[in-house]
Amino acid sequence: MTILCTGATGLVGYNFVKAASAAGHNVVAVCGKKRLPPLKNVQSVSLDLTETGGLQRLVLDVFPDAVVNCAAIASPADVDKNPDLANKLNTEMPEALAMYAHHVGARFIHISTDMVFDGSAAPYVNTDVPMPCTLYGTTKLLAEKKILKIAPAETVILRISHVSGNSLTGRRSLHEKLLRSWAAGEKTKCRTDEIKCPLSASVLADLILEILQRPKLSGIYHYAGAEPLNRCEMASRIAEHFGLDPEKYVEPITGETPRNLILDCHALLSRVKTPAPTYAQLLEEMVLPQDLEDWLRSVGGKVPIKRFVIS
């Protein structure tokens, strides 16, 4: 299968490209300024996704069997800082990409978010009426509505919860950000009143590959981890996993408005074999960035054993 993947250097995109490569698919990985390391069957393409003309030419040249859109401005704060760019990347570009995918007869997988909901009426099933309370959630909801009008029978929209794992740069995932803050001498403030179901980027990649093998699956689905946790609990368990005392590194705080963003994933899990991962599984996947090993040893932390997969 030939797959075109946007956002290939992001946390979700990078893990998906690696999984698709390992599964033997041909992947055209659309990157921004960052570059992917060499991967078997993967062609990296640098492209400005706000220029839809270039994106159209790429889809027509590649003529993929499937298009997986992992590109977005995913930080609500960054969306607020640059709403025009967020509208282009989070709403207008996915609509155009869905149109191009439909033109070449390709399946279209789009990554959305639990933040299309306001967090006041969890758990949310995939048929609940969205009501975002952030501009980020609004841009993603608008994209959903526009995409589904184009080719609903060939489209799957995945609303996902907080994603962690191992990123290309070692700076994108939650544990990578926390460890770097702690190494800089900071005690991180983490909310106790925002609940999510943290998800593994590598397991999400496996799920997307499975969906691509199920042509009759279409529509909006929810996918998240098996355990609801607040940000403080996530950070504390990450600290413990790396042999650190959470009380020294994690400061519990509350926000202005409590949010419970638990997703009910039954509609999807009853149709696929890929299970919802536990947080323990996610912790075991976390790789310590190499440049932080000396710091972790110096504070009495635990450097996880490196495990190599023999293929």
Protein backbone atom coordinates (compact mmCIF):
# COMPACT_ATOMS: atom_id res chain seq x y z
CA MET A 1 0.00 0.00 0.00
CA THR A 2 1.20 3.53 -0.79
CA ILE A 3 0.44 5.94 2.04
CA LEU A 4 0.84 9.70 2.11
CA CYS A 5 1.28 11.00 5.66
CA THR A 6 1.29 14.68 6.63
CA GLY A 7 2.83 15.89 9.88
CA ALA A 8 5.41 13.13 9.60
CA THR A 9 7.87 14.67 12.06
CA GLY A 10 5.26 15.23 14.78
CA LEU A 11 4.71 12.80 17.65
CA VAL A 12 1.82 10.91 16.03
CA GLY A 13 3.09 11.20 12.47
CA TYR A 14 6.62 10.02 13.26
CA ASN A 15 5.40 6.94 15.12
CA PHE A 16 2.95 6.15 12.32
CA VAL A 17 5.60 6.47 9.59
CA LYS A 18 7.90 4.12 11.51
CA ALA A 19 5.11 1.59 11.99
CA ALA A 20 4.02 1.77 8.35
CA SER A 21 7.63 1.37 7.21
CA ALA A 22 8.11 -1.66 9.45
CA ALA A 23 4.89 -3.17 8.06
CA GLY A 24 6.28 -2.95 4.52
CA HIS A 25 4.18 -0.09 3.17
CA ASN A 26 5.53 2.60 0.86
CA VAL A 27 5.23 5.93 2.64
CA VAL A 28 5.51 9.47 1.34
CA ALA A 29 6.19 11.45 4.51
CA VAL A 30 5.37 15.15 4.33
CA CYS A 31 7.70 17.10 6.60
CA GLY A 32 8.19 20.74 7.49
CA LYS A 33 11.54 22.15 8.55
CA LYS A 34 12.62 19.00 10.41
CA ARG A 35 13.88 15.96 8.55
CA LEU A 36 13.17 12.29 9.13
CA PRO A 37 16.03 9.81 9.61
CA PRO A 38 16.42 7.28 6.79
CA LEU A 39 13.66 4.66 6.94
CA LYS A 40 13.02 1.73 4.62
CA ASN A 41 10.33 2.43 1.97
CA VAL A 42 9.93 6.03 3.18
CA GLN A 43 10.32 9.07 0.94
CA SER A 44 10.51 12.38 2.79
CA VAL A 45 9.05 15.46 1.12
CA SER A 46 9.41 19.00 2.43
CA LEU A 47 6.23 20.99 1.81
CA ASP A 48 4.46 24.09 3.10
CA LEU A 49 1.02 22.72 3.93
CA THR A 50 -0.55 26.18 3.89
CA GLU A 51 0.06 26.23 0.12
CA THR A 52 -2.66 23.84 -1.00
CA GLY A 53 -1.56 24.00 -4.64
CA GLY A 54 1.67 22.20 -3.77
CA LEU A 55 -0.27 19.69 -1.70
CA GLN A 56 -2.61 19.00 -4.61
CA ARG A 57 0.31 18.38 -6.98
CA LEU A 58 1.89 16.00 -4.48
CA VAL A 59 -1.28 13.92 -4.05
CA LEU A 60 -1.74 13.70 -7.83
CA ASP A 61 1.92 12.72 -8.33
CA VAL A 62 1.90 10.08 -5.59
CA PHE A 63 -1.65 8.81 -6.26
CA PRO A 64 -1.74 7.12 -2.83
CA ASP A 65 -4.00 4.33 -1.66
CA ALA A 66 -4.45 6.14 1.64
CA VAL A 67 -3.85 9.57 3.14
CA VAL A 68 -3.21 9.98 6.88
CA ASN A 69 -3.38 13.53 8.17
CA CYS A 70 -1.38 13.99 11.38
CA ALA A 71 -0.51 17.65 10.76
CA ALA A 72 -1.88 20.35 13.05
CA ILE A 73 -1.06 23.11 15.45
CA ALA A 74 -1.90 20.99 18.47
CA SER A 75 -1.12 23.37 21.31
CA PRO A 76 -4.13 25.47 22.38
CA ALA A 77 -1.76 28.24 23.45
CA ASP A 78 -0.07 28.28 20.03
CA VAL A 79 -3.46 28.38 18.33
CA ASP A 80 -4.44 31.41 20.41
CA LYS A 81 -1.18 33.15 19.47
CA ASN A 82 -1.64 32.61 15.73
CA PRO A 83 -5.31 31.98 14.90
CA ASP A 84 -4.92 32.65 11.16
CA LEU A 85 -2.21 30.01 10.77
CA ALA A 86 -4.18 27.61 12.96
CA ASN A 87 -7.23 28.04 10.74
CA LYS A 88 -5.14 27.25 7.67
CA LEU A 89 -3.46 24.15 9.12
CA ASN A 90 -6.21 22.80 11.36
CA THR A 91 -9.28 23.52 9.24
CA GLU A 92 -8.62 24.59 5.65
CA MET A 93 -5.74 22.21 4.87
CA PRO A 94 -7.55 19.04 6.07
CA GLU A 95 -10.57 19.97 3.97
CA ALA A 96 -8.41 20.40 0.87
CA LEU A 97 -6.48 17.21 1.61
CA ALA A 98 -9.71 15.23 1.99
CA MET A 99 -10.86 16.57 -1.36
CA TYR A 100 -7.61 15.54 -3.07
CA ALA A 101 -7.72 12.10 -1.43
CA HIS A 102 -11.27 11.60 -2.69
CA HIS A 103 -10.20 12.65 -6.19
CA VAL A 104 -7.63 9.84 -6.37
CA GLY A 105 -9.87 7.31 -4.60
CA ALA A 106 -7.77 7.11 -1.43
CA ARG A 107 -8.90 6.30 2.11
CA PHE A 108 -8.62 9.34 4.36
CA ILE A 109 -7.70 9.14 8.04
CA HIS A 110 -7.83 12.40 10.00
CA ILE A 111 -6.61 12.91 13.56
CA SER A 112 -8.92 15.04 15.69
CA THR A 113 -9.10 15.68 19.42
CA ASP A 114 -11.08 15.19 22.62
CA MET A 115 -11.07 18.98 22.90
CA VAL A 116 -14.04 19.25 20.55
CA PHE A 117 -15.85 18.80 23.89
CA ASP A 118 -15.85 21.24 26.81
CA GLY A 119 -15.24 18.65 29.53
CA SER A 120 -18.51 19.15 31.41
CA ALA A 121 -20.39 15.94 30.52
CA ALA A 122 -17.96 13.01 30.28
CA PRO A 123 -17.67 10.25 29.34
CA TYR A 124 -18.22 11.25 25.72
CA VAL A 125 -19.41 8.80 23.09
CA ASN A 126 -18.70 9.43 19.42
CA THR A 127 -22.29 10.50 18.73
CA ASP A 128 -22.39 13.20 21.42
CA VAL A 129 -22.81 16.79 20.22
CA PRO A 130 -19.43 18.56 20.36
CA MET A 131 -19.09 21.85 22.19
CA PRO A 132 -15.50 23.14 22.25
CA CYS A 133 -14.43 25.78 24.73
CA THR A 134 -11.09 26.62 23.09
CA LEU A 135 -10.15 28.00 19.70
CA TYR A 136 -8.06 24.88 19.13
CA GLY A 137 -11.09 22.66 19.67
CA THR A 138 -13.14 24.88 17.39
CA THR A 139 -10.65 24.62 14.51
CA LYS A 140 -10.60 20.84 14.82
CA LEU A 141 -14.40 20.59 14.97
CA LEU A 142 -14.77 22.74 11.85
CA ALA A 143 -12.34 20.42 10.07
CA GLU A 144 -14.42 17.38 11.04
CA LYS A 145 -17.58 18.91 9.62
CA LYS A 146 -15.91 19.95 6.36
CA ILE A 147 -14.14 16.61 5.85
CA LEU A 148 -17.23 14.46 6.35
CA LYS A 149 -19.10 16.35 3.65
CA ILE A 150 -16.58 15.28 1.02
CA ALA A 151 -16.39 11.47 1.16
CA PRO A 152 -17.93 10.04 4.33
CA ALA A 153 -17.74 6.42 3.16
CA GLU A 154 -13.94 6.59 2.71
CA THR A 155 -13.15 8.73 5.76
CA VAL A 156 -12.29 7.90 9.36
CA ILE A 157 -11.93 10.70 11.90
CA LEU A 158 -10.17 9.67 15.10
CA ARG A 159 -10.79 11.83 18.15
CA ILE A 160 -7.90 11.01 20.45
CA SER A 161 -6.91 11.89 23.98
CA HIS A 162 -3.52 13.09 25.26
CA VAL A 163 -0.75 11.35 23.29
CA SER A 164 2.64 10.47 24.74
CA GLY A 165 5.49 8.30 23.56
CA ASN A 166 8.86 8.98 22.02
CA SER A 167 9.27 11.85 19.58
CA LEU A 168 11.72 12.43 16.75
CA THR A 169 13.46 15.30 18.58
CA GLY A 170 13.21 13.99 22.14
CA ARG A 171 11.38 17.18 23.10
CA ARG A 172 7.73 16.77 22.07
CA SER A 173 6.23 14.15 24.37
CA LEU A 174 5.09 14.78 27.94
CA HIS A 175 7.84 12.77 29.62
CA GLU A 176 10.48 14.43 27.44
CA LYS A 177 9.23 17.91 28.34
CA LEU A 178 8.93 17.10 32.04
CA LEU A 179 12.39 15.54 32.30
CA ARG A 180 13.95 18.55 30.56
CA SER A 181 12.16 20.94 32.92
CA TRP A 182 13.29 18.94 35.94
CA ALA A 183 16.86 18.82 34.63
CA ALA A 184 16.74 22.62 34.37
CA GLY A 185 15.86 22.82 38.05
CA GLU A 186 12.16 23.53 37.62
CA LYS A 187 9.30 22.09 39.64
CA THR A 188 6.47 21.67 37.14
CA LYS A 189 2.93 22.80 37.88
CA CYS A 190 0.44 20.13 36.83
CA ARG A 191 -3.34 20.31 37.00
CA THR A 192 -5.33 17.91 39.15
CA ASP A 193 -8.71 18.92 37.71
CA GLU A 194 -8.31 18.08 34.01
CA ILE A 195 -8.84 14.39 33.33
CA LYS A 196 -7.82 12.59 30.16
CA CYS A 197 -7.05 9.02 29.08
CA PRO A 198 -3.38 9.19 27.98
CA LEU A 199 -2.55 7.29 24.83
CA SER A 200 0.58 5.72 23.39
CA ALA A 201 1.69 7.16 20.03
CA SER A 202 3.06 3.78 18.95
CA VAL A 203 -0.19 1.95 19.77
CA LEU A 204 -2.14 4.69 17.97
CA ALA A 205 0.09 4.06 14.95
CA ASP A 206 -0.79 0.36 15.06
CA LEU A 207 -4.48 1.26 15.25
CA ILE A 208 -4.27 3.51 12.19
CA LEU A 209 -2.60 0.71 10.24
CA GLU A 210 -5.38 -1.66 11.27
CA ILE A 211 -8.03 0.84 10.17
CA LEU A 212 -6.37 1.06 6.77
CA GLN A 213 -6.91 -2.69 6.43
CA ARG A 214 -10.62 -2.32 7.19
CA PRO A 215 -12.17 -0.57 4.14
CA LYS A 216 -15.72 -0.74 5.48
CA LEU A 217 -14.86 1.25 8.60
CA SER A 218 -15.83 4.93 8.29
CA GLY A 219 -17.11 7.83 10.35
CA ILE A 220 -16.08 9.46 13.64
CA TYR A 221 -14.59 7.30 16.38
CA HIS A 222 -12.97 7.85 19.75
CA TYR A 223 -9.66 6.28 20.77
CA ALA A 224 -7.82 6.79 24.04
CA GLY A 225 -5.90 5.00 26.75
CA ALA A 226 -7.58 2.62 29.19
CA GLU A 227 -6.96 4.73 32.32
CA PRO A 228 -8.37 8.16 33.17
CA LEU A 229 -5.68 10.30 34.82
CA ASN A 230 -5.15 13.97 35.56
CA ARG A 231 -1.95 15.73 34.49
CA CYS A 232 -0.54 15.62 38.01
CA GLU A 233 -1.03 11.85 38.20
CA MET A 234 0.62 11.42 34.80
CA ALA A 235 3.64 13.49 35.83
CA SER A 236 3.97 11.78 39.21
CA ARG A 237 3.99 8.32 37.65
CA ILE A 238 6.56 9.46 35.09
CA ALA A 239 8.77 10.72 37.92
CA GLU A 240 8.43 7.41 39.77
CA HIS A 241 9.18 5.45 36.59
CA PHE A 242 12.50 7.27 36.27
CA GLY A 243 13.30 6.79 39.97
CA LEU A 244 12.46 10.33 41.09
CA ASP A 245 10.43 11.61 44.03
CA PRO A 246 7.27 13.26 42.62
CA GLU A 247 7.03 15.64 45.58
CA LYS A 248 10.36 17.21 44.59
CA TYR A 249 9.43 17.71 40.95
CA VAL A 250 5.64 17.99 40.60
CA GLU A 251 3.49 20.79 42.04
CA PRO A 252 -0.29 20.09 41.99
CA ILE A 253 -2.47 23.00 40.88
CA THR A 254 -6.06 23.57 39.78
CA GLY A 255 -7.33 25.52 36.79
CA GLU A 256 -10.14 28.00 36.44
CA THR A 257 -12.57 25.37 35.13
CA PRO A 258 -12.42 21.62 35.85
CA ARG A 259 -12.51 19.47 32.69
CA ASN A 260 -13.27 15.80 32.36
CA LEU A 261 -12.43 14.70 28.82
CA ILE A 262 -12.81 10.94 29.18
CA LEU A 263 -13.72 9.37 25.85
CA ASP A 264 -15.95 6.32 25.53
CA CYS A 265 -14.16 4.22 22.89
CA HIS A 266 -16.53 1.25 22.73
CA ALA A 267 -17.79 2.02 19.22
CA LEU A 268 -14.29 1.61 17.81
CA LEU A 269 -12.90 -1.04 20.16
CA SER A 270 -15.80 -3.34 19.24
CA ARG A 271 -14.68 -3.14 15.60
CA VAL A 272 -10.89 -3.47 15.87
CA LYS A 273 -8.34 -5.78 17.49
CA THR A 274 -5.94 -3.07 18.71
CA PRO A 275 -6.77 -2.58 22.41
CA ALA A 276 -6.72 0.59 24.47
CA PRO A 277 -3.27 0.72 26.14
CA THR A 278 -2.79 1.05 29.89
CA TYR A 279 -0.63 3.80 31.34
CA ALA A 280 1.78 1.15 32.61
CA GLN A 281 2.34 0.09 29.00
CA LEU A 282 2.98 3.68 28.03
CA LEU A 283 5.51 4.13 30.83
CA GLU A 284 7.43 1.05 29.69
CA GLU A 285 7.73 2.54 26.19
CA MET A 286 9.23 5.84 27.40
CA VAL A 287 12.82 6.32 26.31
CA LEU A 288 15.09 8.65 28.26
CA PRO A 289 16.63 11.27 25.93
CA GLN A 290 20.31 10.40 25.73
CA ASP A 291 21.48 13.90 26.68
CA LEU A 292 19.67 13.61 30.02
CA GLU A 293 21.27 10.35 31.21
CA ASP A 294 24.09 12.01 33.18
CA TRP A 295 21.65 14.38 34.91
CA LEU A 296 19.31 11.55 35.88
CA ARG A 297 22.16 9.54 37.40
CA SER A 298 23.43 12.61 39.25
CA VAL A 299 20.11 13.06 41.08
CA GLY A 300 19.79 9.38 41.95
CA GLY A 301 17.27 8.56 39.27
CA LYS A 302 16.90 5.31 37.36
CA VAL A 303 18.00 5.01 33.74
CA PRO A 304 15.64 2.50 32.09
CA ILE A 305 17.21 -0.56 30.53
CA LYS A 306 17.41 -0.24 26.77
CA ARG A 307 15.59 -3.04 25.01
CA PHE A 308 16.40 -3.93 21.43
CA VAL A 309 13.97 -5.66 19.09
CA ILE A 310 15.58 -8.43 17.03
CA SER A 311 13.87 -8.84 13.68
